[in-house]
Amino acid sequence: MNVWQALVLGIVQGLTEFLPISSSAHLILVPWLLGWPEPGLAFNVALHLGTLTAVLAYFGRDLVRIARAWLVGLAQRQPFGSQEARLGWAILIGSVPAGVAGVLLNDVIDQYFHSGGGGASAIALTAVLLIGLGTALWLGERAGRQSRSLADLRLRDGFLVGLAQALALLPGVSRSGSTITASLFLDFQRASAARFSFLLGIPAIGGAGMLETMHLLRTGLPASERTLFLVGMVGSAVTGFLAIAFLLRFLQRHSTGVFVLYRFLLGACILVWLIAVR
């Protein structure tokens, strides 16, 4: 991998991690389509650190308020006494399904989708999942009343959205796509759904980055990859921050229809391409 490829993949990660179009799918598809080498462990760590930096930078003040309210609620023996405290509990509870699924299934999924184990079948399944989650997102737009805000968030909502987040281990599903879809079915407004999706994603992104960092510490970062590491991290951090700001503003006035259409078209094009080259 060269610096240009590292920059492109960093930008792809930053954009697709937070837009509901699946970052893992794009990190599989872009190298596959362009004939680039697949990103290694060190570069994956860089991408996760970049997107984690983006979401922490954007929601830093929110996280401080949530943590303070959560601690005050515990100290006063009123753990659910404020909106911020309830939001903190919802994030914690909603993070459990993805954490359990990651521990149990991450290696199997990584082998099939990211390490070449699934071959063309993995690409085809990724395309099908792009279309499938796009269909679910479209149905969520139609079925949801969009009458609730984060002030109405309950612990049950956090758990249900967390279950949807666990599905994002599969490339093509999309962490933000699955959580926004679940929130729409629970009647949350689009912008509130996206905000909760990003907050709920912080433990998931941080946990994935921590696991990969632990592996990297055991193997070490080769000197030849340090520039690529930095380029990928900065690229994903900057574009990730911009993607968060864009989506929150976009969903205040628009539906997710453009992302549904993109998922349909991308998935269909991949399937047609696979059939054509057989």
C-alpha atoms as a PDB file:
ATOM      1  CA  MET A   1       0.000   0.000   0.000  1.00  0.00           C
ATOM      2  CA  ASN A   2       1.245   3.483  -0.832  1.00  0.00           C
ATOM      3  CA  VAL A   3       0.446   6.876   0.697  1.00  0.00           C
ATOM      4  CA  TRP A   4      -2.208   7.686  -1.911  1.00  0.00           C
ATOM      5  CA  GLN A   5      -4.060   4.450  -1.232  1.00  0.00           C
ATOM      6  CA  ALA A   6      -3.817   5.053   2.514  1.00  0.00           C
ATOM      7  CA  LEU A   7      -5.324   8.524   2.110  1.00  0.00           C
ATOM      8  CA  VAL A   8      -8.182   7.273  -0.073  1.00  0.00           C
ATOM      9  CA  LEU A   9      -9.034   4.458   2.331  1.00  0.00           C
ATOM     10  CA  GLY A  10      -8.841   6.847   5.287  1.00  0.00           C
ATOM     11  CA  ILE A  11     -11.326   9.171   3.596  1.00  0.00           C
ATOM     12  CA  VAL A  12     -13.560   6.224   2.693  1.00  0.00           C
ATOM     13  CA  GLN A  13     -13.520   5.023   6.312  1.00  0.00           C
ATOM     14  CA  GLY A  14     -14.291   8.461   7.727  1.00  0.00           C
ATOM     15  CA  LEU A  15     -17.239   9.018   5.412  1.00  0.00           C
ATOM     16  CA  THR A  16     -18.769   5.558   5.485  1.00  0.00           C
ATOM     17  CA  GLU A  17     -18.381   4.897   9.216  1.00  0.00           C
ATOM     18  CA  PHE A  18     -20.943   7.576  10.010  1.00  0.00           C
ATOM     19  CA  LEU A  19     -23.093   7.686   6.884  1.00  0.00           C
ATOM     20  CA  PRO A  20     -25.523   4.727   6.793  1.00  0.00           C
ATOM     21  CA  ILE A  21     -23.762   2.963   3.912  1.00  0.00           C
ATOM     22  CA  SER A  22     -21.356   0.544   5.698  1.00  0.00           C
ATOM     23  CA  SER A  23     -17.680   1.308   6.187  1.00  0.00           C
ATOM     24  CA  SER A  24     -16.660  -2.356   6.370  1.00  0.00           C
ATOM     25  CA  ALA A  25     -18.335  -3.035   3.013  1.00  0.00           C
ATOM     26  CA  HIS A  26     -16.511  -0.155   1.355  1.00  0.00           C
ATOM     27  CA  LEU A  27     -13.150  -1.174   2.838  1.00  0.00           C
ATOM     28  CA  ILE A  28     -13.672  -4.588   1.256  1.00  0.00           C
ATOM     29  CA  LEU A  29     -15.057  -3.333  -2.049  1.00  0.00           C
ATOM     30  CA  VAL A  30     -12.677  -0.462  -2.800  1.00  0.00           C
ATOM     31  CA  PRO A  31      -9.471  -2.556  -2.690  1.00  0.00           C
ATOM     32  CA  TRP A  32     -11.255  -5.392  -4.516  1.00  0.00           C
ATOM     33  CA  LEU A  33     -12.463  -3.159  -7.341  1.00  0.00           C
ATOM     34  CA  LEU A  34      -9.164  -1.281  -7.713  1.00  0.00           C
ATOM     35  CA  GLY A  35      -6.892  -4.275  -7.253  1.00  0.00           C
ATOM     36  CA  TRP A  36      -5.233  -2.791  -4.153  1.00  0.00           C
ATOM     37  CA  PRO A  37      -3.830  -4.900  -1.319  1.00  0.00           C
ATOM     38  CA  GLU A  38      -6.205  -5.349   1.601  1.00  0.00           C
ATOM     39  CA  PRO A  39      -5.438  -3.116   4.617  1.00  0.00           C
ATOM     40  CA  GLY A  40      -3.449  -4.928   7.280  1.00  0.00           C
ATOM     41  CA  LEU A  41      -3.890  -4.936  11.041  1.00  0.00           C
ATOM     42  CA  ALA A  42      -1.847  -1.766  11.629  1.00  0.00           C
ATOM     43  CA  PHE A  43      -3.840   0.217   9.095  1.00  0.00           C
ATOM     44  CA  ASN A  44      -7.156  -1.030  10.502  1.00  0.00           C
ATOM     45  CA  VAL A  45      -6.055   0.250  13.909  1.00  0.00           C
ATOM     46  CA  ALA A  46      -5.273   3.636  12.353  1.00  0.00           C
ATOM     47  CA  LEU A  47      -8.732   3.831  10.767  1.00  0.00           C
ATOM     48  CA  HIS A  48     -10.493   2.939  14.021  1.00  0.00           C
ATOM     49  CA  LEU A  49      -8.433   5.451  15.980  1.00  0.00           C
ATOM     50  CA  GLY A  50      -9.258   8.107  13.398  1.00  0.00           C
ATOM     51  CA  THR A  51     -13.020   7.596  13.538  1.00  0.00           C
ATOM     52  CA  LEU A  52     -12.912   7.327  17.336  1.00  0.00           C
ATOM     53  CA  THR A  53     -11.076  10.655  17.437  1.00  0.00           C
ATOM     54  CA  ALA A  54     -13.735  12.198  15.186  1.00  0.00           C
ATOM     55  CA  VAL A  55     -16.713  11.126  17.283  1.00  0.00           C
ATOM     56  CA  LEU A  56     -15.016  12.027  20.576  1.00  0.00           C
ATOM     57  CA  ALA A  57     -14.104  15.460  19.231  1.00  0.00           C
ATOM     58  CA  TYR A  58     -17.635  16.118  18.026  1.00  0.00           C
ATOM     59  CA  PHE A  59     -19.493  14.816  21.072  1.00  0.00           C
ATOM     60  CA  GLY A  60     -16.909  15.565  23.756  1.00  0.00           C
ATOM     61  CA  ARG A  61     -19.063  18.063  25.645  1.00  0.00           C
ATOM     62  CA  ASP A  62     -22.114  15.806  25.413  1.00  0.00           C
ATOM     63  CA  LEU A  63     -20.115  12.926  26.846  1.00  0.00           C
ATOM     64  CA  VAL A  64     -18.931  15.034  29.780  1.00  0.00           C
ATOM     65  CA  ARG A  65     -22.523  16.056  30.588  1.00  0.00           C
ATOM     66  CA  ILE A  66     -23.760  12.480  30.277  1.00  0.00           C
ATOM     67  CA  ALA A  67     -20.964  11.119  32.493  1.00  0.00           C
ATOM     68  CA  ARG A  68     -21.500  13.818  35.117  1.00  0.00           C
ATOM     69  CA  ALA A  69     -25.265  13.248  35.213  1.00  0.00           C
ATOM     70  CA  TRP A  70     -24.749   9.473  35.392  1.00  0.00           C
ATOM     71  CA  LEU A  71     -22.377   9.787  38.357  1.00  0.00           C
ATOM     72  CA  VAL A  72     -24.586  12.327  40.135  1.00  0.00           C
ATOM     73  CA  GLY A  73     -27.573  10.028  39.675  1.00  0.00           C
ATOM     74  CA  LEU A  74     -25.683   7.157  41.288  1.00  0.00           C
ATOM     75  CA  ALA A  75     -24.485   9.350  44.147  1.00  0.00           C
ATOM     76  CA  GLN A  76     -28.010  10.615  44.811  1.00  0.00           C
ATOM     77  CA  ARG A  77     -29.527   7.138  44.421  1.00  0.00           C
ATOM     78  CA  GLN A  78     -31.598   8.400  41.507  1.00  0.00           C
ATOM     79  CA  PRO A  79     -29.812   6.699  38.601  1.00  0.00           C
ATOM     80  CA  PHE A  80     -32.530   7.594  36.096  1.00  0.00           C
ATOM     81  CA  GLY A  81     -33.353  11.007  37.491  1.00  0.00           C
ATOM     82  CA  SER A  82     -32.308  13.083  34.470  1.00  0.00           C
ATOM     83  CA  GLN A  83     -32.400  12.828  30.701  1.00  0.00           C
ATOM     84  CA  GLU A  84     -28.601  12.720  30.469  1.00  0.00           C
ATOM     85  CA  ALA A  85     -28.366   9.961  33.082  1.00  0.00           C
ATOM     86  CA  ARG A  86     -30.954   7.870  31.249  1.00  0.00           C
ATOM     87  CA  LEU A  87     -29.041   8.434  28.029  1.00  0.00           C
ATOM     88  CA  GLY A  88     -25.877   7.214  29.722  1.00  0.00           C
ATOM     89  CA  TRP A  89     -27.600   4.038  30.900  1.00  0.00           C
ATOM     90  CA  ALA A  90     -29.099   3.485  27.453  1.00  0.00           C
ATOM     91  CA  ILE A  91     -25.624   3.728  25.891  1.00  0.00           C
ATOM     92  CA  LEU A  92     -24.201   1.245  28.394  1.00  0.00           C
ATOM     93  CA  ILE A  93     -27.049  -1.249  27.992  1.00  0.00           C
ATOM     94  CA  GLY A  94     -27.126  -0.811  24.218  1.00  0.00           C
ATOM     95  CA  SER A  95     -23.405  -1.571  23.977  1.00  0.00           C
ATOM     96  CA  VAL A  96     -23.755  -5.054  25.492  1.00  0.00           C
ATOM     97  CA  PRO A  97     -25.164  -6.904  22.427  1.00  0.00           C
ATOM     98  CA  ALA A  98     -22.435  -5.647  20.091  1.00  0.00           C
ATOM     99  CA  GLY A  99     -19.776  -6.448  22.678  1.00  0.00           C
ATOM    100  CA  VAL A 100     -20.999 -10.023  23.123  1.00  0.00           C
ATOM    101  CA  ALA A 101     -21.401 -10.539  19.388  1.00  0.00           C
ATOM    102  CA  GLY A 102     -17.933  -9.155  18.745  1.00  0.00           C
ATOM    103  CA  VAL A 103     -16.284 -11.501  21.237  1.00  0.00           C
ATOM    104  CA  LEU A 104     -18.114 -14.553  19.887  1.00  0.00           C
ATOM    105  CA  LEU A 105     -18.190 -13.885  16.158  1.00  0.00           C
ATOM    106  CA  ASN A 106     -15.534 -11.344  15.180  1.00  0.00           C
ATOM    107  CA  ASP A 107     -12.836 -13.850  14.238  1.00  0.00           C
ATOM    108  CA  VAL A 108     -15.219 -15.958  12.136  1.00  0.00           C
ATOM    109  CA  ILE A 109     -16.586 -12.936  10.298  1.00  0.00           C
ATOM    110  CA  ASP A 110     -13.111 -11.484   9.803  1.00  0.00           C
ATOM    111  CA  GLN A 111     -11.864 -14.738   8.296  1.00  0.00           C
ATOM    112  CA  TYR A 112     -14.784 -14.989   5.887  1.00  0.00           C
ATOM    113  CA  PHE A 113     -15.050 -11.363   4.761  1.00  0.00           C
ATOM    114  CA  HIS A 114     -11.667  -9.709   5.359  1.00  0.00           C
ATOM    115  CA  SER A 115      -9.068 -12.461   5.070  1.00  0.00           C
ATOM    116  CA  GLY A 116     -10.185 -13.946   1.772  1.00  0.00           C
ATOM    117  CA  GLY A 117     -11.926 -16.965   3.246  1.00  0.00           C
ATOM    118  CA  GLY A 118     -15.228 -16.283   1.531  1.00  0.00           C
ATOM    119  CA  GLY A 119     -13.866 -15.222  -1.851  1.00  0.00           C
ATOM    120  CA  ALA A 120     -16.458 -14.028  -4.357  1.00  0.00           C
ATOM    121  CA  SER A 121     -19.235 -15.388  -2.134  1.00  0.00           C
ATOM    122  CA  ALA A 122     -18.282 -12.881   0.575  1.00  0.00           C
ATOM    123  CA  ILE A 123     -18.483 -10.032  -1.953  1.00  0.00           C
ATOM    124  CA  ALA A 124     -21.899 -11.261  -3.121  1.00  0.00           C
ATOM    125  CA  LEU A 125     -23.175 -11.522   0.448  1.00  0.00           C
ATOM    126  CA  THR A 126     -21.906  -8.010   1.181  1.00  0.00           C
ATOM    127  CA  ALA A 127     -23.897  -6.746  -1.815  1.00  0.00           C
ATOM    128  CA  VAL A 128     -27.017  -8.571  -0.628  1.00  0.00           C
ATOM    129  CA  LEU A 129     -26.629  -7.075   2.854  1.00  0.00           C
ATOM    130  CA  LEU A 130     -26.259  -3.590   1.355  1.00  0.00           C
ATOM    131  CA  ILE A 131     -29.597  -4.035  -0.402  1.00  0.00           C
ATOM    132  CA  GLY A 132     -31.221  -5.741   2.585  1.00  0.00           C
ATOM    133  CA  LEU A 133     -30.391  -3.017   5.088  1.00  0.00           C
ATOM    134  CA  GLY A 134     -31.374  -0.425   2.483  1.00  0.00           C
ATOM    135  CA  THR A 135     -34.787  -2.074   2.307  1.00  0.00           C
ATOM    136  CA  ALA A 136     -35.078  -2.066   6.102  1.00  0.00           C
ATOM    137  CA  LEU A 137     -34.102   1.620   6.220  1.00  0.00           C
ATOM    138  CA  TRP A 138     -36.740   2.440   3.606  1.00  0.00           C
ATOM    139  CA  LEU A 139     -39.362   0.549   5.613  1.00  0.00           C
ATOM    140  CA  GLY A 140     -38.286   2.374   8.774  1.00  0.00           C
ATOM    141  CA  GLU A 141     -38.818   5.697   7.037  1.00  0.00           C
ATOM    142  CA  ARG A 142     -42.331   4.654   6.027  1.00  0.00           C
ATOM    143  CA  ALA A 143     -43.377   2.939   9.266  1.00  0.00           C
ATOM    144  CA  GLY A 144     -41.883   5.297  11.861  1.00  0.00           C
ATOM    145  CA  ARG A 145     -43.943   8.224  13.112  1.00  0.00           C
ATOM    146  CA  GLN A 146     -40.800  10.258  13.960  1.00  0.00           C
ATOM    147  CA  SER A 147     -42.543  11.709  16.994  1.00  0.00           C
ATOM    148  CA  ARG A 148     -39.900  11.028  19.650  1.00  0.00           C
ATOM    149  CA  SER A 149     -36.708  12.826  20.649  1.00  0.00           C
ATOM    150  CA  LEU A 150     -33.844  11.775  22.922  1.00  0.00           C
ATOM    151  CA  ALA A 151     -35.833  13.183  25.838  1.00  0.00           C
ATOM    152  CA  ASP A 152     -38.192  10.216  25.346  1.00  0.00           C
ATOM    153  CA  LEU A 153     -35.413   7.611  25.270  1.00  0.00           C
ATOM    154  CA  ARG A 154     -35.981   4.578  27.507  1.00  0.00           C
ATOM    155  CA  LEU A 155     -33.613   1.790  28.503  1.00  0.00           C
ATOM    156  CA  ARG A 156     -35.642  -0.619  26.380  1.00  0.00           C
ATOM    157  CA  ASP A 157     -34.956   1.585  23.348  1.00  0.00           C
ATOM    158  CA  GLY A 158     -31.242   1.480  24.074  1.00  0.00           C
ATOM    159  CA  PHE A 159     -31.235  -2.315  24.235  1.00  0.00           C
ATOM    160  CA  LEU A 160     -33.262  -2.742  21.032  1.00  0.00           C
ATOM    161  CA  VAL A 161     -31.059  -0.316  19.101  1.00  0.00           C
ATOM    162  CA  GLY A 162     -28.050  -2.099  20.576  1.00  0.00           C
ATOM    163  CA  LEU A 163     -29.315  -5.403  19.173  1.00  0.00           C
ATOM    164  CA  ALA A 164     -29.470  -3.770  15.751  1.00  0.00           C
ATOM    165  CA  GLN A 165     -25.922  -2.454  16.206  1.00  0.00           C
ATOM    166  CA  ALA A 166     -24.685  -6.023  16.779  1.00  0.00           C
ATOM    167  CA  LEU A 167     -25.723  -6.871  13.211  1.00  0.00           C
ATOM    168  CA  ALA A 168     -23.174  -4.353  11.933  1.00  0.00           C
ATOM    169  CA  LEU A 169     -20.422  -6.920  12.394  1.00  0.00           C
ATOM    170  CA  LEU A 170     -21.558  -8.112   8.970  1.00  0.00           C
ATOM    171  CA  PRO A 171     -20.089  -5.969   6.166  1.00  0.00           C
ATOM    172  CA  GLY A 172     -22.871  -4.302   4.231  1.00  0.00           C
ATOM    173  CA  VAL A 173     -25.161  -3.828   7.223  1.00  0.00           C
ATOM    174  CA  SER A 174     -23.621  -0.578   8.556  1.00  0.00           C
ATOM    175  CA  ARG A 175     -23.449   0.314  12.234  1.00  0.00           C
ATOM    176  CA  SER A 176     -25.044   3.723  11.756  1.00  0.00           C
ATOM    177  CA  GLY A 177     -27.483   2.313   9.208  1.00  0.00           C
ATOM    178  CA  SER A 178     -28.717  -0.458  11.483  1.00  0.00           C
ATOM    179  CA  THR A 179     -29.058   1.763  14.554  1.00  0.00           C
ATOM    180  CA  ILE A 180     -30.768   4.604  12.691  1.00  0.00           C
ATOM    181  CA  THR A 181     -33.138   2.079  11.111  1.00  0.00           C
ATOM    182  CA  ALA A 182     -34.032   0.584  14.495  1.00  0.00           C
ATOM    183  CA  SER A 183     -34.570   4.060  15.958  1.00  0.00           C
ATOM    184  CA  LEU A 184     -36.883   5.010  13.095  1.00  0.00           C
ATOM    185  CA  PHE A 185     -38.978   1.891  13.746  1.00  0.00           C
ATOM    186  CA  LEU A 186     -39.145   3.052  17.387  1.00  0.00           C
ATOM    187  CA  ASP A 187     -40.623   6.363  16.148  1.00  0.00           C
ATOM    188  CA  PHE A 188     -37.599   8.581  16.820  1.00  0.00           C
ATOM    189  CA  GLN A 189     -36.992  11.670  14.723  1.00  0.00           C
ATOM    190  CA  ARG A 190     -34.252  11.249  12.133  1.00  0.00           C
ATOM    191  CA  ALA A 191     -31.764  13.657  13.715  1.00  0.00           C
ATOM    192  CA  SER A 192     -32.336  12.158  17.181  1.00  0.00           C
ATOM    193  CA  ALA A 193     -31.866   8.686  15.726  1.00  0.00           C
ATOM    194  CA  ALA A 194     -28.547   9.721  14.183  1.00  0.00           C
ATOM    195  CA  ARG A 195     -27.329  11.427  17.367  1.00  0.00           C
ATOM    196  CA  PHE A 196     -28.071   8.369  19.485  1.00  0.00           C
ATOM    197  CA  SER A 197     -26.461   6.168  16.827  1.00  0.00           C
ATOM    198  CA  PHE A 198     -23.226   8.131  17.060  1.00  0.00           C
ATOM    199  CA  LEU A 199     -23.197   8.171  20.874  1.00  0.00           C
ATOM    200  CA  LEU A 200     -23.964   4.455  21.027  1.00  0.00           C
ATOM    201  CA  GLY A 201     -21.201   3.815  18.521  1.00  0.00           C
ATOM    202  CA  ILE A 202     -18.468   5.274  20.745  1.00  0.00           C
ATOM    203  CA  PRO A 203     -18.049   2.147  22.944  1.00  0.00           C
ATOM    204  CA  ALA A 204     -18.308  -0.102  19.869  1.00  0.00           C
ATOM    205  CA  ILE A 205     -15.696   1.820  17.875  1.00  0.00           C
ATOM    206  CA  GLY A 206     -13.493   2.171  20.947  1.00  0.00           C
ATOM    207  CA  GLY A 207     -13.783  -1.522  21.811  1.00  0.00           C
ATOM    208  CA  ALA A 208     -12.936  -2.654  18.288  1.00  0.00           C
ATOM    209  CA  GLY A 209      -9.997  -0.272  18.189  1.00  0.00           C
ATOM    210  CA  MET A 210      -8.769  -1.495  21.575  1.00  0.00           C
ATOM    211  CA  LEU A 211      -8.824  -5.159  20.542  1.00  0.00           C
ATOM    212  CA  GLU A 212      -6.926  -4.439  17.335  1.00  0.00           C
ATOM    213  CA  THR A 213      -4.473  -2.195  19.187  1.00  0.00           C
ATOM    214  CA  MET A 214      -3.719  -5.016  21.642  1.00  0.00           C
ATOM    215  CA  HIS A 215      -2.943  -7.308  18.710  1.00  0.00           C
ATOM    216  CA  LEU A 216      -0.768  -4.607  17.149  1.00  0.00           C
ATOM    217  CA  LEU A 217       1.177  -4.094  20.370  1.00  0.00           C
ATOM    218  CA  ARG A 218       2.087  -7.768  20.343  1.00  0.00           C
ATOM    219  CA  THR A 219       3.298  -7.675  16.735  1.00  0.00           C
ATOM    220  CA  GLY A 220       4.654  -4.126  16.649  1.00  0.00           C
ATOM    221  CA  LEU A 221       4.273  -1.379  14.042  1.00  0.00           C
ATOM    222  CA  PRO A 222       6.887  -1.709  11.292  1.00  0.00           C
ATOM    223  CA  ALA A 223       8.781   1.491  10.521  1.00  0.00           C
ATOM    224  CA  SER A 224       7.741   1.222   6.875  1.00  0.00           C
ATOM    225  CA  GLU A 225       4.054   1.491   7.839  1.00  0.00           C
ATOM    226  CA  ARG A 226       4.219   4.463  10.200  1.00  0.00           C
ATOM    227  CA  THR A 227       3.565   7.082   7.526  1.00  0.00           C
ATOM    228  CA  LEU A 228       0.628   5.066   6.185  1.00  0.00           C
ATOM    229  CA  PHE A 229      -0.689   4.723   9.737  1.00  0.00           C
ATOM    230  CA  LEU A 230      -0.610   8.488  10.269  1.00  0.00           C
ATOM    231  CA  VAL A 231      -2.138   9.301   6.878  1.00  0.00           C
ATOM    232  CA  GLY A 232      -4.987   6.827   7.370  1.00  0.00           C
ATOM    233  CA  MET A 233      -5.709   8.026  10.894  1.00  0.00           C
ATOM    234  CA  VAL A 234      -5.767  11.729  10.004  1.00  0.00           C
ATOM    235  CA  GLY A 235      -7.797  11.123   6.839  1.00  0.00           C
ATOM    236  CA  SER A 236     -10.471   9.124   8.667  1.00  0.00           C
ATOM    237  CA  ALA A 237     -10.577  11.559  11.604  1.00  0.00           C
ATOM    238  CA  VAL A 238     -11.093  14.687   9.490  1.00  0.00           C
ATOM    239  CA  THR A 239     -13.633  13.197   7.103  1.00  0.00           C
ATOM    240  CA  GLY A 240     -15.384  11.399   9.961  1.00  0.00           C
ATOM    241  CA  PHE A 241     -15.893  14.665  11.845  1.00  0.00           C
ATOM    242  CA  LEU A 242     -17.268  16.314   8.701  1.00  0.00           C
ATOM    243  CA  ALA A 243     -19.552  13.327   8.010  1.00  0.00           C
ATOM    244  CA  ILE A 244     -21.076  13.528  11.496  1.00  0.00           C
ATOM    245  CA  ALA A 245     -21.751  17.249  11.152  1.00  0.00           C
ATOM    246  CA  PHE A 246     -23.208  16.768   7.679  1.00  0.00           C
ATOM    247  CA  LEU A 247     -25.553  13.912   8.559  1.00  0.00           C
ATOM    248  CA  LEU A 248     -26.977  15.553  11.685  1.00  0.00           C
ATOM    249  CA  ARG A 249     -27.733  18.706   9.721  1.00  0.00           C
ATOM    250  CA  PHE A 250     -28.988  16.813   6.655  1.00  0.00           C
ATOM    251  CA  LEU A 251     -31.470  14.682   8.579  1.00  0.00           C
ATOM    252  CA  GLN A 252     -33.105  17.706  10.157  1.00  0.00           C
ATOM    253  CA  ARG A 253     -34.670  18.497   6.783  1.00  0.00           C
ATOM    254  CA  HIS A 254     -34.304  15.416   4.615  1.00  0.00           C
ATOM    255  CA  SER A 255     -35.076  11.707   4.700  1.00  0.00           C
ATOM    256  CA  THR A 256     -32.553   8.882   4.387  1.00  0.00           C
ATOM    257  CA  GLY A 257     -33.830   8.175   0.870  1.00  0.00           C
ATOM    258  CA  VAL A 258     -30.580   9.140  -0.869  1.00  0.00           C
ATOM    259  CA  PHE A 259     -28.684   6.576   1.221  1.00  0.00           C
ATOM    260  CA  VAL A 260     -31.312   3.908   0.512  1.00  0.00           C
ATOM    261  CA  LEU A 261     -30.928   4.568  -3.219  1.00  0.00           C
ATOM    262  CA  TYR A 262     -27.135   4.478  -2.976  1.00  0.00           C
ATOM    263  CA  ARG A 263     -27.227   1.132  -1.174  1.00  0.00           C
ATOM    264  CA  PHE A 264     -29.584  -0.342  -3.782  1.00  0.00           C
ATOM    265  CA  LEU A 265     -27.474   0.861  -6.691  1.00  0.00           C
ATOM    266  CA  LEU A 266     -24.143  -0.198  -5.193  1.00  0.00           C
ATOM    267  CA  GLY A 267     -25.410  -3.629  -4.206  1.00  0.00           C
ATOM    268  CA  ALA A 268     -27.036  -4.207  -7.584  1.00  0.00           C
ATOM    269  CA  CYS A 269     -23.933  -3.084  -9.505  1.00  0.00           C
ATOM    270  CA  ILE A 270     -21.727  -5.447  -7.516  1.00  0.00           C
ATOM    271  CA  LEU A 271     -24.042  -8.407  -8.168  1.00  0.00           C
ATOM    272  CA  VAL A 272     -24.204  -7.597 -11.891  1.00  0.00           C
ATOM    273  CA  TRP A 273     -20.410  -7.298 -12.010  1.00  0.00           C
ATOM    274  CA  LEU A 274     -19.947 -10.641 -10.262  1.00  0.00           C
ATOM    275  CA  ILE A 275     -22.296 -12.321 -12.709  1.00  0.00           C
ATOM    276  CA  ALA A 276     -20.596 -10.696 -15.694  1.00  0.00           C
ATOM    277  CA  VAL A 277     -17.072 -11.800 -14.738  1.00  0.00           C
ATOM    278  CA  ARG A 278     -17.978 -15.415 -13.916  1.00  0.00           C
END
